[in-house]
């Protein structure tokens, strides 16, 4: 458990420096009015790339729960209904209902800071999922992930709309939307691999334990195997 909290702490430091890097980069790009001629094509592409990374990150944290559902169910001894609440309605309700308030905040406040806050919040909540001791804690952390991710899309769409003229906006939005597929790919592939060898908690908070959580040994001549916990 001590090693787990150390990994969570290291992960939070990484989140902090990553979000500050995003904030500084976007600050440089948006010091002048968005549609000003001073915004170069290179700045537009770089901003779009950063927003795609943010969108990808949000879907990694969102989709990884799907691949880790069964080991979490077995570890915390929860029912299928409880697992469904974790991956479905409790996350979706807060994500959907807070989207409008976050969009209003983006209209009235600094969009860059809202994205930075959202990335930090959902990354923090995802890391804490790996340290959850029971079902209630994990449920509250997943709600926190939904709250954080609700604040990412509205300001991202607004920034793209400001940076790109109408005749190029659809292409920019399509590129931004690829973050969904990248997030699903990374979340399922990386999350499944980490869970297979190091456990579901490590998949949430990152890092690598000193010893693999599972090893494989053959039990018959056909290459079948079993896991030793």
Protein backbone atom coordinates (compact mmCIF):
# COMPACT_ATOMS: atom_id res chain seq x y z
CA UNK A 1 0.00 0.00 0.00
CA UNK A 2 2.91 2.35 0.76
CA UNK A 3 4.31 1.77 -2.74
CA UNK A 4 0.86 2.40 -4.22
CA UNK A 5 0.56 5.80 -2.54
CA UNK A 6 4.09 6.66 -3.66
CA UNK A 7 3.10 5.91 -7.27
CA UNK A 8 -0.03 8.04 -6.86
CA UNK A 9 2.10 10.92 -5.55
CA UNK A 10 4.55 10.61 -8.44
CA UNK A 11 1.63 10.48 -10.88
CA UNK A 12 0.14 13.66 -9.40
CA UNK A 13 3.45 15.48 -9.83
CA UNK A 14 3.47 14.43 -13.47
CA UNK A 15 -0.10 15.66 -13.88
CA UNK A 16 0.78 19.01 -12.33
CA UNK A 17 3.74 19.68 -14.63
CA UNK A 18 1.77 18.46 -17.67
CA UNK A 19 -1.17 20.76 -16.95
CA UNK A 20 1.14 23.70 -16.32
CA UNK A 21 2.85 23.03 -19.66
CA UNK A 22 -0.54 23.07 -21.40
CA UNK A 23 -1.46 26.31 -19.62
CA UNK A 24 1.76 28.07 -20.61
CA UNK A 25 1.54 26.95 -24.23
CA UNK A 26 -2.08 28.01 -24.61
CA UNK A 27 -1.37 31.29 -22.82
CA UNK A 28 1.25 32.17 -25.43
CA UNK A 29 -1.15 31.38 -28.23
CA UNK A 30 -4.10 33.32 -26.83
CA UNK A 31 -2.44 36.47 -25.55
CA UNK A 32 -3.86 38.21 -28.63
CA UNK A 33 -7.49 37.95 -29.91
CA UNK A 34 -8.10 34.48 -31.41
CA UNK A 35 -9.01 35.60 -34.90
CA UNK A 36 -6.25 38.19 -35.08
CA UNK A 37 -3.95 37.85 -38.07
CA UNK A 38 -1.06 37.39 -35.61
CA UNK A 39 -2.18 33.78 -35.08
CA UNK A 40 -0.09 31.83 -37.55
CA UNK A 41 -0.86 28.51 -39.21
CA UNK A 42 1.80 26.87 -37.08
CA UNK A 43 0.11 28.12 -33.91
CA UNK A 44 -3.25 26.83 -35.11
CA UNK A 45 -1.85 23.39 -35.78
CA UNK A 46 0.01 23.27 -32.50
CA UNK A 47 -3.08 24.31 -30.54
CA UNK A 48 -5.17 21.69 -32.32
CA UNK A 49 -2.52 19.06 -31.56
CA UNK A 50 -2.55 19.97 -27.85
CA UNK A 51 -6.35 19.82 -27.75
CA UNK A 52 -6.31 16.39 -29.41
CA UNK A 53 -3.88 15.19 -26.72
CA UNK A 54 -6.21 16.49 -24.01
CA UNK A 55 -9.23 14.84 -25.65
CA UNK A 56 -7.31 11.58 -26.02
CA UNK A 57 -6.31 11.67 -22.37
CA UNK A 58 -9.91 12.14 -21.27
CA UNK A 59 -11.03 9.08 -23.23
CA UNK A 60 -8.15 6.96 -21.93
CA UNK A 61 -9.31 7.71 -18.39
CA UNK A 62 -12.92 7.14 -19.37
CA UNK A 63 -12.57 3.90 -21.32
CA UNK A 64 -10.00 2.15 -19.14
CA UNK A 65 -12.78 1.31 -16.69
CA UNK A 66 -14.34 -0.98 -19.30
CA UNK A 67 -11.30 -3.23 -19.59
CA UNK A 68 -10.70 -3.27 -15.82
CA UNK A 69 -14.28 -4.02 -14.82
CA UNK A 70 -13.90 -7.75 -14.17
CA UNK A 71 -10.75 -7.59 -12.01
CA UNK A 72 -12.27 -4.71 -10.03
CA UNK A 73 -15.42 -6.75 -9.49
CA UNK A 74 -13.41 -9.70 -8.21
CA UNK A 75 -11.11 -7.58 -6.04
CA UNK A 76 -13.75 -5.42 -4.34
CA UNK A 77 -16.44 -8.14 -4.32
CA UNK A 78 -19.09 -6.00 -5.98
CA UNK A 79 -22.16 -6.98 -7.97
CA UNK A 80 -22.88 -6.50 -11.66
CA UNK A 81 -25.30 -3.71 -10.75
CA UNK A 82 -22.63 -1.86 -8.80
CA UNK A 83 -20.19 -2.31 -11.65
CA UNK A 84 -22.78 -0.94 -14.05
CA UNK A 85 -23.16 2.16 -11.88
CA UNK A 86 -19.40 2.68 -11.97
CA UNK A 87 -19.10 2.45 -15.73
CA UNK A 88 -22.49 3.83 -16.72
CA UNK A 89 -25.12 6.02 -15.15
CA UNK A 90 -23.22 7.59 -12.25
CA UNK A 91 -20.44 8.73 -14.57
CA UNK A 92 -22.78 9.75 -17.39
CA UNK A 93 -25.20 11.77 -15.22
CA UNK A 94 -22.52 14.09 -13.88
CA UNK A 95 -20.69 14.27 -17.21
CA UNK A 96 -23.87 15.21 -19.09
CA UNK A 97 -25.47 17.56 -16.58
CA UNK A 98 -22.32 19.56 -15.92
CA UNK A 99 -21.53 20.06 -19.60
CA UNK A 100 -23.82 23.11 -19.86
CA UNK A 101 -22.53 24.91 -16.74
CA UNK A 102 -18.97 24.28 -17.90
CA UNK A 103 -19.82 25.72 -21.33
CA UNK A 104 -21.27 28.84 -19.66
CA UNK A 105 -18.10 29.14 -17.59
CA UNK A 106 -16.04 28.88 -20.77
CA UNK A 107 -18.05 31.75 -22.29
CA UNK A 108 -17.48 34.01 -19.30
CA UNK A 109 -14.08 32.98 -17.98
CA UNK A 110 -10.66 31.93 -19.22
CA UNK A 111 -10.96 28.84 -21.44
CA UNK A 112 -7.32 27.91 -21.08
CA UNK A 113 -7.56 27.79 -17.29
CA UNK A 114 -10.75 25.73 -17.48
CA UNK A 115 -9.05 23.10 -19.63
CA UNK A 116 -6.05 23.04 -17.28
CA UNK A 117 -8.29 22.61 -14.24
CA UNK A 118 -10.29 19.87 -15.96
CA UNK A 119 -7.20 17.87 -16.96
CA UNK A 120 -5.82 18.11 -13.44
CA UNK A 121 -9.13 17.10 -11.84
CA UNK A 122 -9.89 14.05 -13.96
CA UNK A 123 -6.26 12.88 -13.82
CA UNK A 124 -6.25 13.24 -10.03
CA UNK A 125 -9.51 11.32 -9.71
CA UNK A 126 -8.26 8.58 -12.03
CA UNK A 127 -5.08 8.16 -10.00
CA UNK A 128 -7.10 7.97 -6.79
CA UNK A 129 -9.20 5.17 -8.31
CA UNK A 130 -6.09 3.01 -8.01
CA UNK A 131 -5.98 3.68 -4.26
CA UNK A 132 -9.69 3.06 -3.60
CA UNK A 133 -10.20 0.73 -0.62
CA UNK A 134 -13.89 0.01 -1.22
CA UNK A 135 -16.74 0.45 -3.65
CA UNK A 136 -17.99 3.79 -2.30
CA UNK A 137 -14.58 5.40 -2.65
CA UNK A 138 -14.20 4.12 -6.19
CA UNK A 139 -17.69 5.37 -7.08
CA UNK A 140 -16.93 8.86 -5.76
CA UNK A 141 -13.64 8.97 -7.65
CA UNK A 142 -15.37 7.95 -10.89
CA UNK A 143 -17.91 10.72 -10.36
CA UNK A 144 -14.95 13.06 -9.98
CA UNK A 145 -13.60 11.84 -13.33
CA UNK A 146 -16.95 12.66 -14.93
CA UNK A 147 -16.99 16.14 -13.39
CA UNK A 148 -13.48 16.85 -14.65
CA UNK A 149 -14.12 15.61 -18.17
CA UNK A 150 -17.28 17.70 -18.44
CA UNK A 151 -15.11 20.82 -18.51
CA UNK A 152 -12.87 19.81 -21.40
CA UNK A 153 -15.03 19.73 -24.53
CA UNK A 154 -16.84 23.11 -24.40
CA UNK A 155 -13.72 25.31 -24.24
CA UNK A 156 -11.91 23.07 -26.75
CA UNK A 157 -14.69 23.46 -29.31
CA UNK A 158 -14.78 27.20 -28.65
CA UNK A 159 -11.04 27.56 -29.22
CA UNK A 160 -11.17 25.61 -32.46
CA UNK A 161 -14.09 27.73 -33.68
CA UNK A 162 -12.08 30.89 -32.97
CA UNK A 163 -8.89 29.67 -34.58
CA UNK A 164 -10.28 28.25 -37.82
CA UNK A 165 -12.49 29.99 -40.40
CA UNK A 166 -15.80 28.34 -41.36
CA UNK A 167 -14.41 26.74 -44.53
CA UNK A 168 -11.75 24.87 -42.51
CA UNK A 169 -13.58 24.37 -39.24
CA UNK A 170 -15.16 21.01 -40.10
CA UNK A 171 -11.75 19.49 -40.86
CA UNK A 172 -10.33 20.81 -37.59
CA UNK A 173 -13.29 19.41 -35.65
CA UNK A 174 -12.86 16.03 -37.36
CA UNK A 175 -9.18 15.94 -36.41
CA UNK A 176 -10.12 16.86 -32.85
CA UNK A 177 -12.69 14.05 -32.81
CA UNK A 178 -10.02 11.43 -33.53
CA UNK A 179 -9.07 11.79 -29.88
CA UNK A 180 -12.00 9.49 -29.07
CA UNK A 181 -10.58 6.63 -31.12
CA UNK A 182 -7.03 7.18 -29.91
CA UNK A 183 -8.28 7.19 -26.34
CA UNK A 184 -10.20 3.93 -26.76
CA UNK A 185 -7.20 2.30 -28.42
CA UNK A 186 -4.72 3.35 -25.74
CA UNK A 187 -7.10 2.77 -22.84
CA UNK A 188 -8.06 -0.78 -23.84
CA UNK A 189 -4.63 -1.87 -25.09
CA UNK A 190 -2.46 -0.37 -22.37
CA UNK A 191 -4.98 -0.87 -19.59
CA UNK A 192 -5.44 -4.54 -20.42
CA UNK A 193 -1.71 -5.18 -20.65
CA UNK A 194 -0.91 -3.45 -17.36
CA UNK A 195 -3.74 -5.26 -15.59
CA UNK A 196 -2.55 -8.59 -16.99
CA UNK A 197 0.91 -8.29 -15.48
CA UNK A 198 0.76 -5.73 -12.68
CA UNK A 199 -2.87 -5.47 -11.53
CA UNK A 200 -5.75 -3.04 -12.05
CA UNK A 201 -4.58 -0.55 -9.42
CA UNK A 202 -1.34 0.11 -11.28
CA UNK A 203 -3.32 0.60 -14.50
CA UNK A 204 -5.11 3.54 -12.88
CA UNK A 205 -2.22 5.32 -11.19
CA UNK A 206 0.67 4.41 -13.48
CA UNK A 207 4.15 3.25 -12.54
CA UNK A 208 5.47 -0.26 -12.12
CA UNK A 209 5.69 -2.36 -8.98
CA UNK A 210 8.93 -3.97 -7.93
CA UNK A 211 7.56 -7.42 -8.69
CA UNK A 212 4.95 -8.43 -11.29
CA UNK A 213 1.55 -9.11 -9.77
CA UNK A 214 1.04 -12.22 -11.88
CA UNK A 215 3.15 -14.82 -13.59
CA UNK A 216 2.28 -17.59 -16.01
CA UNK A 217 3.19 -21.27 -15.75
CA UNK A 218 2.23 -24.01 -18.24
CA UNK A 219 -0.13 -26.71 -16.98
CA UNK A 220 -0.50 -28.95 -20.02
CA UNK A 221 1.17 -29.82 -23.29
CA UNK A 222 -1.03 -27.52 -25.38
CA UNK A 223 0.39 -24.28 -24.03
CA UNK A 224 -2.48 -23.56 -21.63
CA UNK A 225 -1.58 -21.57 -18.58
CA UNK A 226 -2.85 -20.45 -15.22
CA UNK A 227 -2.22 -17.41 -13.11
CA UNK A 228 -0.60 -17.37 -9.72
CA UNK A 229 -1.75 -14.41 -7.64
